[in-house]
N, C-alpha and C. Protein backbone atom coordinates (compact mmCIF):
# COMPACT_ATOMS: atom_id res chain seq x y z
N MET A 1 -34.40 30.53 57.87
CA MET A 1 -35.19 29.78 56.89
C MET A 1 -34.38 28.61 56.35
N SER A 2 -35.04 27.47 56.14
CA SER A 2 -34.35 26.30 55.65
C SER A 2 -34.16 26.39 54.14
N ALA A 3 -33.39 25.45 53.60
CA ALA A 3 -33.12 25.46 52.16
C ALA A 3 -34.34 25.09 51.35
N SER A 4 -35.22 24.21 51.92
CA SER A 4 -36.42 23.77 51.18
C SER A 4 -37.40 24.92 51.00
N THR A 5 -37.57 25.76 52.03
CA THR A 5 -38.51 26.88 51.90
C THR A 5 -37.99 27.92 50.92
N LYS A 6 -36.66 28.11 50.83
CA LYS A 6 -36.10 29.04 49.85
C LYS A 6 -36.36 28.58 48.43
N GLN A 7 -36.26 27.24 48.21
CA GLN A 7 -36.45 26.72 46.86
C GLN A 7 -37.91 26.83 46.42
N GLU A 8 -38.87 26.75 47.39
CA GLU A 8 -40.29 26.78 47.05
C GLU A 8 -40.81 28.19 46.83
N GLN A 9 -40.01 29.22 47.10
CA GLN A 9 -40.46 30.58 46.90
C GLN A 9 -40.53 30.92 45.42
N PRO A 10 -41.50 31.75 44.99
CA PRO A 10 -41.61 32.11 43.57
C PRO A 10 -40.40 32.94 43.12
N THR A 11 -40.09 32.80 41.87
CA THR A 11 -38.95 33.54 41.31
C THR A 11 -39.45 34.62 40.37
N THR A 12 -38.66 35.70 40.27
CA THR A 12 -39.02 36.83 39.39
C THR A 12 -38.05 36.85 38.21
N LYS A 13 -38.62 36.86 37.00
CA LYS A 13 -37.81 36.89 35.79
C LYS A 13 -38.19 38.09 34.95
N LYS A 14 -37.20 38.64 34.27
CA LYS A 14 -37.42 39.79 33.40
C LYS A 14 -37.69 39.31 31.99
N PHE A 15 -38.76 39.88 31.41
CA PHE A 15 -39.14 39.60 30.04
C PHE A 15 -39.28 40.92 29.32
N GLY A 16 -38.26 41.28 28.55
CA GLY A 16 -38.30 42.56 27.84
C GLY A 16 -38.22 43.71 28.83
N LYS A 17 -39.24 44.57 28.80
CA LYS A 17 -39.25 45.73 29.67
C LYS A 17 -39.91 45.45 31.03
N GLY A 18 -40.63 44.33 31.13
CA GLY A 18 -41.34 44.04 32.37
C GLY A 18 -40.78 42.84 33.10
N GLU A 19 -41.42 42.55 34.22
CA GLU A 19 -41.05 41.40 35.05
C GLU A 19 -42.27 40.50 35.25
N ARG A 20 -41.99 39.24 35.48
CA ARG A 20 -43.07 38.27 35.71
C ARG A 20 -42.67 37.36 36.86
N VAL A 21 -43.65 37.15 37.75
CA VAL A 21 -43.42 36.27 38.90
C VAL A 21 -43.83 34.86 38.50
N ILE A 22 -42.90 33.93 38.59
CA ILE A 22 -43.16 32.53 38.23
C ILE A 22 -43.21 31.72 39.53
N PRO A 23 -44.37 31.09 39.84
CA PRO A 23 -44.46 30.31 41.07
C PRO A 23 -43.65 29.03 40.98
N HIS A 24 -43.38 28.48 42.13
CA HIS A 24 -42.65 27.21 42.21
C HIS A 24 -43.54 26.09 41.70
N PRO A 25 -43.00 25.03 41.09
CA PRO A 25 -43.84 23.92 40.59
C PRO A 25 -44.76 23.32 41.65
N SER A 26 -44.33 23.36 42.91
CA SER A 26 -45.16 22.80 43.97
C SER A 26 -46.38 23.68 44.27
N GLN A 27 -46.33 24.95 43.86
CA GLN A 27 -47.43 25.89 44.11
C GLN A 27 -48.39 26.00 42.92
N LYS A 28 -48.07 25.38 41.80
CA LYS A 28 -48.93 25.46 40.63
C LYS A 28 -50.17 24.58 40.81
N ALA A 29 -51.25 24.98 40.16
CA ALA A 29 -52.48 24.21 40.23
C ALA A 29 -52.33 22.89 39.49
N SER A 30 -52.99 21.87 39.99
CA SER A 30 -52.91 20.55 39.39
C SER A 30 -53.62 20.53 38.04
N LYS A 31 -53.08 19.79 37.09
CA LYS A 31 -53.68 19.68 35.77
C LYS A 31 -54.83 18.67 35.74
N TYR A 32 -54.93 17.86 36.78
CA TYR A 32 -55.91 16.77 36.79
C TYR A 32 -56.93 16.99 37.91
N TYR A 33 -58.15 16.55 37.64
CA TYR A 33 -59.20 16.59 38.65
C TYR A 33 -59.15 15.30 39.47
N PRO A 34 -59.60 15.35 40.71
CA PRO A 34 -59.64 14.11 41.51
C PRO A 34 -60.64 13.11 40.92
N ALA A 35 -60.35 11.83 41.06
CA ALA A 35 -61.21 10.79 40.49
C ALA A 35 -62.58 10.77 41.15
N GLU A 36 -62.66 11.09 42.43
CA GLU A 36 -63.93 11.08 43.15
C GLU A 36 -64.28 12.50 43.57
N ASP A 37 -65.56 12.82 43.46
CA ASP A 37 -66.02 14.15 43.86
C ASP A 37 -65.97 14.29 45.37
N ILE A 38 -65.50 15.42 45.83
CA ILE A 38 -65.45 15.69 47.26
C ILE A 38 -66.79 16.27 47.68
N PRO A 39 -67.52 15.59 48.57
CA PRO A 39 -68.85 16.11 48.97
C PRO A 39 -68.73 17.41 49.75
N ARG A 40 -69.53 18.36 49.35
CA ARG A 40 -69.56 19.64 50.05
C ARG A 40 -71.00 19.93 50.50
N PRO A 41 -71.18 20.38 51.70
CA PRO A 41 -72.54 20.68 52.16
C PRO A 41 -73.15 21.84 51.40
N LYS A 42 -74.40 21.65 50.97
CA LYS A 42 -75.08 22.70 50.23
C LYS A 42 -75.65 23.75 51.19
N LYS A 43 -75.54 24.98 50.78
CA LYS A 43 -76.07 26.06 51.60
C LYS A 43 -77.55 26.25 51.28
N SER A 44 -78.38 26.08 52.28
CA SER A 44 -79.82 26.23 52.12
C SER A 44 -80.22 27.67 52.43
N ARG A 45 -80.94 28.27 51.49
CA ARG A 45 -81.42 29.64 51.70
C ARG A 45 -82.82 29.67 52.29
N LYS A 46 -83.41 28.49 52.47
CA LYS A 46 -84.76 28.43 53.00
C LYS A 46 -84.74 28.61 54.52
N THR A 47 -85.75 29.25 55.03
CA THR A 47 -85.88 29.44 56.47
C THR A 47 -87.19 28.81 56.93
N LEU A 48 -87.13 28.18 58.09
CA LEU A 48 -88.32 27.55 58.65
C LEU A 48 -89.25 28.62 59.20
N ARG A 49 -90.45 28.63 58.67
CA ARG A 49 -91.43 29.60 59.13
C ARG A 49 -92.52 28.88 59.91
N PRO A 50 -93.04 29.49 60.95
CA PRO A 50 -94.11 28.84 61.72
C PRO A 50 -95.37 28.68 60.88
N PHE A 51 -96.07 27.57 61.09
CA PHE A 51 -97.28 27.27 60.32
C PHE A 51 -98.40 28.21 60.72
N LYS A 52 -99.01 28.82 59.72
CA LYS A 52 -100.14 29.72 59.94
C LYS A 52 -101.32 29.15 59.17
N PRO A 53 -102.31 28.58 59.87
CA PRO A 53 -103.45 27.97 59.17
C PRO A 53 -104.30 28.99 58.43
N ARG A 54 -105.01 28.53 57.41
CA ARG A 54 -105.91 29.39 56.66
C ARG A 54 -107.02 29.89 57.58
N PRO A 55 -107.60 31.04 57.27
CA PRO A 55 -108.68 31.55 58.13
C PRO A 55 -109.86 30.60 58.26
N SER A 56 -110.07 29.77 57.23
CA SER A 56 -111.21 28.85 57.26
C SER A 56 -110.97 27.63 58.15
N LEU A 57 -109.70 27.37 58.50
CA LEU A 57 -109.37 26.19 59.32
C LEU A 57 -109.44 26.55 60.80
N GLN A 58 -110.63 26.72 61.29
CA GLN A 58 -110.86 27.02 62.69
C GLN A 58 -111.44 25.79 63.38
N PRO A 59 -111.12 25.59 64.68
CA PRO A 59 -111.68 24.43 65.40
C PRO A 59 -113.20 24.40 65.31
N GLY A 60 -113.73 23.23 64.97
CA GLY A 60 -115.18 23.07 64.81
C GLY A 60 -115.63 23.08 63.37
N ALA A 61 -114.75 23.43 62.43
CA ALA A 61 -115.12 23.46 61.02
C ALA A 61 -115.21 22.04 60.47
N VAL A 62 -116.14 21.83 59.56
CA VAL A 62 -116.29 20.54 58.88
C VAL A 62 -115.40 20.56 57.63
N LEU A 63 -114.53 19.55 57.51
CA LEU A 63 -113.58 19.47 56.40
C LEU A 63 -113.89 18.27 55.53
N ILE A 64 -113.49 18.36 54.27
CA ILE A 64 -113.60 17.24 53.33
C ILE A 64 -112.18 16.77 53.03
N LEU A 65 -111.90 15.49 53.30
CA LEU A 65 -110.58 14.92 53.06
C LEU A 65 -110.41 14.61 51.57
N LEU A 66 -109.28 14.99 51.00
CA LEU A 66 -109.03 14.81 49.57
C LEU A 66 -108.04 13.69 49.27
N ALA A 67 -107.37 13.17 50.28
CA ALA A 67 -106.36 12.14 50.03
C ALA A 67 -106.32 11.20 51.23
N GLY A 68 -105.71 10.05 50.99
CA GLY A 68 -105.54 9.09 52.07
C GLY A 68 -106.63 8.03 52.08
N ARG A 69 -106.61 7.26 53.13
CA ARG A 69 -107.54 6.14 53.26
C ARG A 69 -109.00 6.60 53.35
N PHE A 70 -109.24 7.75 53.94
CA PHE A 70 -110.60 8.24 54.16
C PHE A 70 -110.95 9.39 53.22
N ARG A 71 -110.40 9.41 52.02
CA ARG A 71 -110.69 10.50 51.09
C ARG A 71 -112.18 10.53 50.74
N GLY A 72 -112.71 11.73 50.69
CA GLY A 72 -114.13 11.90 50.43
C GLY A 72 -114.97 11.99 51.68
N LYS A 73 -114.40 11.67 52.83
CA LYS A 73 -115.14 11.71 54.08
C LYS A 73 -115.19 13.14 54.63
N ARG A 74 -116.27 13.42 55.36
CA ARG A 74 -116.40 14.70 56.04
C ARG A 74 -116.02 14.50 57.51
N VAL A 75 -115.15 15.36 58.02
CA VAL A 75 -114.65 15.22 59.39
C VAL A 75 -114.76 16.57 60.10
N VAL A 76 -114.58 16.53 61.41
CA VAL A 76 -114.64 17.73 62.24
C VAL A 76 -113.23 18.08 62.69
N LEU A 77 -112.85 19.33 62.51
CA LEU A 77 -111.52 19.80 62.92
C LEU A 77 -111.53 20.10 64.41
N LEU A 78 -110.59 19.47 65.12
CA LEU A 78 -110.48 19.70 66.57
C LEU A 78 -109.41 20.72 66.91
N LYS A 79 -108.27 20.65 66.20
CA LYS A 79 -107.16 21.55 66.54
C LYS A 79 -106.18 21.59 65.39
N ALA A 80 -105.55 22.74 65.18
CA ALA A 80 -104.48 22.89 64.19
C ALA A 80 -103.14 22.70 64.90
N LEU A 81 -102.38 21.70 64.48
CA LEU A 81 -101.10 21.37 65.11
C LEU A 81 -99.96 22.05 64.35
N ASP A 82 -98.74 21.76 64.77
CA ASP A 82 -97.56 22.35 64.14
C ASP A 82 -97.29 21.70 62.78
N GLN A 83 -96.50 22.40 61.96
CA GLN A 83 -96.01 21.90 60.67
C GLN A 83 -97.14 21.55 59.70
N GLY A 84 -98.23 22.31 59.73
CA GLY A 84 -99.29 22.14 58.76
C GLY A 84 -100.13 20.90 58.93
N VAL A 85 -100.23 20.38 60.16
CA VAL A 85 -101.00 19.17 60.42
C VAL A 85 -102.25 19.54 61.22
N LEU A 86 -103.36 18.86 60.89
CA LEU A 86 -104.63 19.12 61.55
C LEU A 86 -105.08 17.87 62.29
N LEU A 87 -105.64 18.05 63.47
CA LEU A 87 -106.20 16.95 64.24
C LEU A 87 -107.71 16.90 63.99
N VAL A 88 -108.20 15.78 63.44
CA VAL A 88 -109.61 15.67 63.05
C VAL A 88 -110.19 14.38 63.61
N THR A 89 -111.51 14.29 63.59
CA THR A 89 -112.23 13.08 63.93
C THR A 89 -113.52 13.05 63.14
N GLY A 90 -114.10 11.84 62.97
CA GLY A 90 -115.28 11.65 62.13
C GLY A 90 -116.56 12.34 62.57
N PRO A 91 -117.08 12.06 63.70
CA PRO A 91 -116.68 11.10 64.72
C PRO A 91 -116.69 9.65 64.21
N PHE A 92 -115.98 8.79 64.92
CA PHE A 92 -115.80 7.41 64.48
C PHE A 92 -117.13 6.66 64.42
N LYS A 93 -118.04 6.95 65.34
CA LYS A 93 -119.33 6.25 65.38
C LYS A 93 -120.23 6.67 64.23
N VAL A 94 -119.94 7.84 63.62
CA VAL A 94 -120.80 8.35 62.55
C VAL A 94 -120.33 7.88 61.17
N ASN A 95 -119.04 8.06 60.87
CA ASN A 95 -118.54 7.71 59.53
C ASN A 95 -117.27 6.86 59.55
N GLY A 96 -116.84 6.41 60.72
CA GLY A 96 -115.71 5.49 60.77
C GLY A 96 -114.35 6.13 60.73
N VAL A 97 -114.25 7.46 60.80
CA VAL A 97 -112.95 8.14 60.80
C VAL A 97 -112.51 8.36 62.24
N PRO A 98 -111.40 7.75 62.66
CA PRO A 98 -110.95 7.90 64.04
C PRO A 98 -110.18 9.21 64.24
N LEU A 99 -109.71 9.41 65.44
CA LEU A 99 -108.82 10.54 65.71
C LEU A 99 -107.54 10.35 64.92
N ARG A 100 -107.24 11.30 64.05
CA ARG A 100 -106.05 11.18 63.22
C ARG A 100 -105.56 12.55 62.80
N ARG A 101 -104.33 12.58 62.28
CA ARG A 101 -103.73 13.81 61.78
C ARG A 101 -103.77 13.80 60.26
N VAL A 102 -104.08 14.95 59.67
CA VAL A 102 -104.11 15.08 58.22
C VAL A 102 -103.37 16.34 57.81
N ASN A 103 -102.86 16.32 56.58
CA ASN A 103 -102.17 17.48 56.04
C ASN A 103 -103.19 18.55 55.64
N SER A 104 -102.90 19.78 56.03
CA SER A 104 -103.86 20.87 55.76
C SER A 104 -103.98 21.18 54.28
N ARG A 105 -103.03 20.74 53.46
CA ARG A 105 -103.11 21.00 52.01
C ARG A 105 -104.12 20.10 51.31
N TYR A 106 -104.46 18.99 51.94
CA TYR A 106 -105.33 18.02 51.29
C TYR A 106 -106.72 18.00 51.94
N VAL A 107 -107.22 19.15 52.31
CA VAL A 107 -108.58 19.25 52.85
C VAL A 107 -109.28 20.45 52.23
N ILE A 108 -110.60 20.36 52.16
CA ILE A 108 -111.45 21.48 51.74
C ILE A 108 -112.27 21.90 52.96
N ALA A 109 -112.15 23.14 53.35
CA ALA A 109 -112.91 23.65 54.49
C ALA A 109 -114.28 24.09 54.02
N THR A 110 -115.32 23.63 54.70
CA THR A 110 -116.68 24.02 54.37
C THR A 110 -117.14 25.14 55.30
N SER A 111 -118.29 25.69 54.99
CA SER A 111 -118.85 26.77 55.81
C SER A 111 -119.60 26.24 57.03
N THR A 112 -119.75 24.91 57.12
CA THR A 112 -120.48 24.30 58.25
C THR A 112 -119.59 24.28 59.49
N LYS A 113 -120.15 24.66 60.61
CA LYS A 113 -119.43 24.68 61.88
C LYS A 113 -120.13 23.77 62.87
N VAL A 114 -119.34 23.14 63.73
CA VAL A 114 -119.86 22.25 64.77
C VAL A 114 -119.44 22.82 66.12
N ASN A 115 -120.36 22.83 67.05
CA ASN A 115 -120.06 23.32 68.39
C ASN A 115 -119.22 22.29 69.13
N LEU A 116 -118.04 22.70 69.61
CA LEU A 116 -117.14 21.80 70.34
C LEU A 116 -117.31 21.89 71.84
N GLY A 117 -118.40 22.50 72.29
CA GLY A 117 -118.65 22.60 73.72
C GLY A 117 -118.84 21.24 74.35
N GLY A 118 -118.19 21.01 75.47
CA GLY A 118 -118.27 19.72 76.15
C GLY A 118 -117.12 18.80 75.84
N VAL A 119 -116.35 19.07 74.79
CA VAL A 119 -115.18 18.24 74.46
C VAL A 119 -114.06 18.56 75.44
N ASP A 120 -113.52 17.53 76.05
CA ASP A 120 -112.47 17.72 77.07
C ASP A 120 -111.21 18.24 76.39
N SER A 121 -110.78 19.42 76.80
CA SER A 121 -109.57 20.03 76.21
C SER A 121 -108.31 19.25 76.57
N LYS A 122 -108.31 18.60 77.74
CA LYS A 122 -107.14 17.82 78.14
C LYS A 122 -106.93 16.63 77.22
N VAL A 123 -108.03 16.00 76.80
CA VAL A 123 -107.92 14.86 75.88
C VAL A 123 -107.42 15.33 74.52
N VAL A 124 -107.90 16.49 74.07
CA VAL A 124 -107.44 17.03 72.78
C VAL A 124 -105.95 17.37 72.84
N GLU A 125 -105.50 17.95 73.94
CA GLU A 125 -104.07 18.26 74.10
C GLU A 125 -103.24 16.98 74.12
N LYS A 126 -103.76 15.95 74.77
CA LYS A 126 -103.05 14.67 74.85
C LYS A 126 -102.93 14.03 73.47
N VAL A 127 -104.04 14.03 72.73
CA VAL A 127 -104.03 13.41 71.39
C VAL A 127 -103.17 14.22 70.43
N GLY A 128 -103.10 15.54 70.63
CA GLY A 128 -102.31 16.39 69.74
C GLY A 128 -100.82 16.33 69.99
N GLY A 129 -100.37 15.60 71.01
CA GLY A 129 -98.94 15.50 71.30
C GLY A 129 -98.19 14.69 70.26
N LYS A 130 -96.89 14.89 70.17
CA LYS A 130 -96.07 14.21 69.17
C LYS A 130 -95.94 12.72 69.45
N GLU A 131 -95.94 12.33 70.72
CA GLU A 131 -95.71 10.93 71.06
C GLU A 131 -96.97 10.08 70.94
N TYR A 132 -98.12 10.71 70.78
CA TYR A 132 -99.38 9.95 70.77
C TYR A 132 -99.47 9.05 69.54
N PHE A 133 -99.08 9.55 68.38
CA PHE A 133 -99.18 8.78 67.13
C PHE A 133 -97.85 8.12 66.75
N ALA A 134 -96.88 8.10 67.66
CA ALA A 134 -95.59 7.47 67.37
C ALA A 134 -95.77 5.96 67.27
N ARG A 135 -95.08 5.35 66.32
CA ARG A 135 -95.19 3.91 66.13
C ARG A 135 -94.38 3.16 67.18
N ASP A 136 -94.93 2.04 67.61
CA ASP A 136 -94.22 1.22 68.59
C ASP A 136 -93.08 0.48 67.90
N LYS A 137 -91.93 0.47 68.56
CA LYS A 137 -90.77 -0.22 68.01
C LYS A 137 -90.90 -1.71 68.27
N LYS A 138 -90.77 -2.48 67.19
CA LYS A 138 -90.89 -3.93 67.30
C LYS A 138 -89.51 -4.58 67.20
N ASP A 139 -89.33 -5.63 67.96
CA ASP A 139 -88.08 -6.38 67.90
C ASP A 139 -88.05 -7.20 66.62
N LYS A 140 -86.96 -7.10 65.88
CA LYS A 140 -86.83 -7.84 64.64
C LYS A 140 -86.65 -9.33 64.94
N LYS A 141 -87.44 -10.16 64.23
CA LYS A 141 -87.34 -11.59 64.43
C LYS A 141 -86.07 -12.10 63.75
N GLN A 142 -85.31 -12.88 64.46
CA GLN A 142 -84.06 -13.40 63.93
C GLN A 142 -84.04 -14.92 64.11
N GLY A 143 -83.22 -15.57 63.29
CA GLY A 143 -83.03 -17.00 63.42
C GLY A 143 -84.05 -17.79 62.63
N GLU A 144 -84.25 -19.05 63.04
CA GLU A 144 -85.13 -19.97 62.31
C GLU A 144 -86.59 -19.57 62.42
N ASP A 145 -87.00 -19.00 63.55
CA ASP A 145 -88.41 -18.63 63.71
C ASP A 145 -88.83 -17.62 62.66
N ALA A 146 -87.96 -16.64 62.37
CA ALA A 146 -88.30 -15.63 61.37
C ALA A 146 -88.37 -16.23 59.98
N PHE A 147 -87.52 -17.24 59.71
CA PHE A 147 -87.51 -17.86 58.38
C PHE A 147 -88.79 -18.65 58.13
N PHE A 148 -89.28 -19.38 59.13
CA PHE A 148 -90.45 -20.22 58.95
C PHE A 148 -91.76 -19.42 59.04
N LYS A 149 -91.70 -18.19 59.56
CA LYS A 149 -92.91 -17.38 59.68
C LYS A 149 -93.08 -16.38 58.54
N GLN A 150 -92.25 -16.51 57.49
CA GLN A 150 -92.33 -15.57 56.37
C GLN A 150 -93.64 -15.71 55.60
N GLY A 151 -94.13 -16.92 55.42
CA GLY A 151 -95.33 -17.14 54.63
C GLY A 151 -96.62 -16.96 55.42
N GLU A 152 -96.54 -16.79 56.71
CA GLU A 152 -97.75 -16.67 57.52
C GLU A 152 -98.37 -15.28 57.38
N LYS A 153 -99.65 -15.20 57.73
CA LYS A 153 -100.35 -13.91 57.68
C LYS A 153 -99.83 -13.00 58.80
N PRO A 154 -99.68 -11.72 58.52
CA PRO A 154 -99.20 -10.81 59.57
C PRO A 154 -100.21 -10.71 60.71
N GLU A 155 -99.69 -10.49 61.89
CA GLU A 155 -100.57 -10.39 63.05
C GLU A 155 -101.42 -9.13 62.97
N LYS A 156 -102.67 -9.25 63.39
CA LYS A 156 -103.60 -8.13 63.35
C LYS A 156 -103.23 -7.11 64.43
N LYS A 157 -103.19 -5.84 64.02
CA LYS A 157 -102.83 -4.79 64.96
C LYS A 157 -103.99 -4.54 65.92
N GLU A 158 -103.67 -4.47 67.18
CA GLU A 158 -104.67 -4.21 68.20
C GLU A 158 -104.56 -2.76 68.67
N VAL A 159 -105.70 -2.09 68.71
CA VAL A 159 -105.73 -0.70 69.16
C VAL A 159 -105.64 -0.68 70.67
N SER A 160 -104.80 0.19 71.20
CA SER A 160 -104.63 0.27 72.65
C SER A 160 -105.91 0.77 73.31
N THR A 161 -106.11 0.34 74.54
CA THR A 161 -107.32 0.72 75.27
C THR A 161 -107.38 2.21 75.55
N SER A 162 -106.21 2.85 75.71
CA SER A 162 -106.20 4.29 75.98
C SER A 162 -106.72 5.07 74.78
N ARG A 163 -106.38 4.62 73.57
CA ARG A 163 -106.88 5.29 72.37
C ARG A 163 -108.38 5.12 72.21
N VAL A 164 -108.87 3.94 72.55
CA VAL A 164 -110.31 3.68 72.47
C VAL A 164 -111.06 4.58 73.45
N GLN A 165 -110.52 4.74 74.64
CA GLN A 165 -111.16 5.59 75.64
C GLN A 165 -111.15 7.06 75.21
N ASP A 166 -110.03 7.50 74.63
CA ASP A 166 -109.96 8.89 74.14
C ASP A 166 -110.96 9.13 73.02
N GLN A 167 -111.09 8.13 72.13
CA GLN A 167 -112.04 8.26 71.02
C GLN A 167 -113.48 8.35 71.53
N LYS A 168 -113.81 7.52 72.49
CA LYS A 168 -115.16 7.53 73.05
C LYS A 168 -115.45 8.83 73.78
N ALA A 169 -114.44 9.36 74.48
CA ALA A 169 -114.65 10.60 75.23
C ALA A 169 -114.92 11.77 74.29
N VAL A 170 -114.19 11.84 73.17
CA VAL A 170 -114.38 12.92 72.21
C VAL A 170 -115.70 12.74 71.46
N ASP A 171 -115.99 11.51 71.04
CA ASP A 171 -117.21 11.25 70.26
C ASP A 171 -118.48 11.50 71.07
N LYS A 172 -118.45 11.17 72.35
CA LYS A 172 -119.65 11.33 73.18
C LYS A 172 -120.08 12.80 73.23
N ALA A 173 -119.10 13.69 73.43
CA ALA A 173 -119.43 15.12 73.49
C ALA A 173 -119.83 15.66 72.12
N LEU A 174 -119.15 15.20 71.08
CA LEU A 174 -119.45 15.70 69.73
C LEU A 174 -120.83 15.25 69.25
N ILE A 175 -121.14 13.98 69.44
CA ILE A 175 -122.42 13.46 68.95
C ILE A 175 -123.58 14.13 69.68
N GLY A 176 -123.38 14.45 70.96
CA GLY A 176 -124.42 15.17 71.69
C GLY A 176 -124.70 16.53 71.08
N ASN A 177 -123.66 17.22 70.61
CA ASN A 177 -123.85 18.51 69.95
C ASN A 177 -124.40 18.36 68.54
N LEU A 178 -124.03 17.27 67.86
CA LEU A 178 -124.50 17.07 66.48
C LEU A 178 -126.00 16.76 66.44
N LYS A 179 -126.50 16.09 67.46
CA LYS A 179 -127.92 15.74 67.48
C LYS A 179 -128.82 16.96 67.66
N LYS A 180 -128.25 18.04 68.15
CA LYS A 180 -129.04 19.26 68.34
C LYS A 180 -129.34 19.96 67.01
N GLU A 181 -128.50 19.70 65.99
CA GLU A 181 -128.70 20.32 64.68
C GLU A 181 -129.33 19.31 63.73
N PRO A 182 -130.40 19.66 63.04
CA PRO A 182 -131.04 18.70 62.13
C PRO A 182 -130.17 18.42 60.90
N PHE A 183 -130.17 17.17 60.47
CA PHE A 183 -129.47 16.69 59.26
C PHE A 183 -127.95 16.77 59.36
N LEU A 184 -127.39 17.15 60.50
CA LEU A 184 -125.93 17.28 60.59
C LEU A 184 -125.26 15.91 60.69
N LEU A 185 -125.91 14.97 61.38
CA LEU A 185 -125.35 13.61 61.47
C LEU A 185 -125.34 12.93 60.11
N SER A 186 -126.44 13.06 59.35
CA SER A 186 -126.49 12.44 58.02
C SER A 186 -125.53 13.15 57.06
N TYR A 187 -125.30 14.45 57.27
CA TYR A 187 -124.36 15.20 56.43
C TYR A 187 -122.93 14.69 56.63
N LEU A 188 -122.55 14.43 57.88
CA LEU A 188 -121.20 13.92 58.17
C LEU A 188 -121.07 12.46 57.74
N ALA A 189 -122.15 11.72 57.78
CA ALA A 189 -122.08 10.31 57.40
C ALA A 189 -121.95 10.12 55.89
N SER A 190 -122.40 11.10 55.10
CA SER A 190 -122.31 10.99 53.64
C SER A 190 -120.92 11.35 53.16
N SER A 191 -120.55 10.80 52.01
CA SER A 191 -119.23 11.06 51.41
C SER A 191 -119.37 12.06 50.27
N PHE A 192 -118.30 12.81 50.07
CA PHE A 192 -118.27 13.79 48.99
C PHE A 192 -117.70 13.16 47.73
N SER A 193 -118.34 13.40 46.59
CA SER A 193 -117.84 12.88 45.31
C SER A 193 -118.30 13.80 44.20
N LEU A 194 -117.59 13.73 43.10
CA LEU A 194 -117.92 14.53 41.92
C LEU A 194 -118.51 13.62 40.84
N ARG A 195 -119.53 14.12 40.16
CA ARG A 195 -120.13 13.38 39.06
C ARG A 195 -119.85 14.08 37.75
N LYS A 196 -120.24 13.43 36.67
CA LYS A 196 -119.99 13.99 35.35
C LYS A 196 -120.77 15.29 35.18
N GLY A 197 -120.05 16.32 34.80
CA GLY A 197 -120.67 17.62 34.61
C GLY A 197 -120.53 18.55 35.80
N ASP A 198 -120.06 18.03 36.95
CA ASP A 198 -119.86 18.89 38.11
C ASP A 198 -118.66 19.80 37.90
N LYS A 199 -118.77 21.02 38.34
CA LYS A 199 -117.69 22.00 38.22
C LYS A 199 -117.26 22.42 39.62
N PRO A 200 -116.19 21.83 40.13
CA PRO A 200 -115.79 22.12 41.51
C PRO A 200 -115.37 23.57 41.73
N HIS A 201 -114.87 24.24 40.68
CA HIS A 201 -114.43 25.62 40.86
C HIS A 201 -115.61 26.58 41.01
N GLU A 202 -116.81 26.10 40.69
CA GLU A 202 -118.00 26.94 40.85
C GLU A 202 -118.81 26.56 42.08
N MET A 203 -118.35 25.55 42.82
CA MET A 203 -119.09 25.10 43.99
C MET A 203 -118.81 25.98 45.19
N VAL A 204 -119.78 26.08 46.07
CA VAL A 204 -119.64 26.78 47.34
C VAL A 204 -119.77 25.75 48.43
N PHE A 205 -118.71 25.55 49.18
CA PHE A 205 -118.71 24.50 50.21
C PHE A 205 -119.15 25.07 51.55
């Protein structure tokens, strides 16, 4: 053992009838806190659980949207996706709601059911994929062109032809089934709203 390690070892001193071990000054705790907090990862006790939709959220059910751009609209549920997301459609030709994903917490499921017979399952699987609604990456404008185009109106977004074809394919089969039931088209075309004196907790949807 070297001389430095011998000096750093704690010493034992007698105090009256007992003994006390005194650590070396280099082993004592610091009297000062560090100026900056040292980041430590927090331990999460939460566990990811698979999404289990409510019994009322079955394919073909008519839902009322409670939030977002189309709040108050009635839509048809096509499929329950992962992470609490639902794939719905208006249909677009009836009330203007396209194929889109909505959060299952912000919908009211009604007792009305729509027959999904004739809807192509391959199209529904394609639309329900993660990459279908992914945003296209745009190249950032740099240099003088970007500076002079700041005040101009933003370019209008164009819907891809593949999305238009998918929408038409789903709507064609759905509208054919909706026409078989009386007043179902007008029911989906109307919007849901509350008036003065309405009690939503007493309503039956």
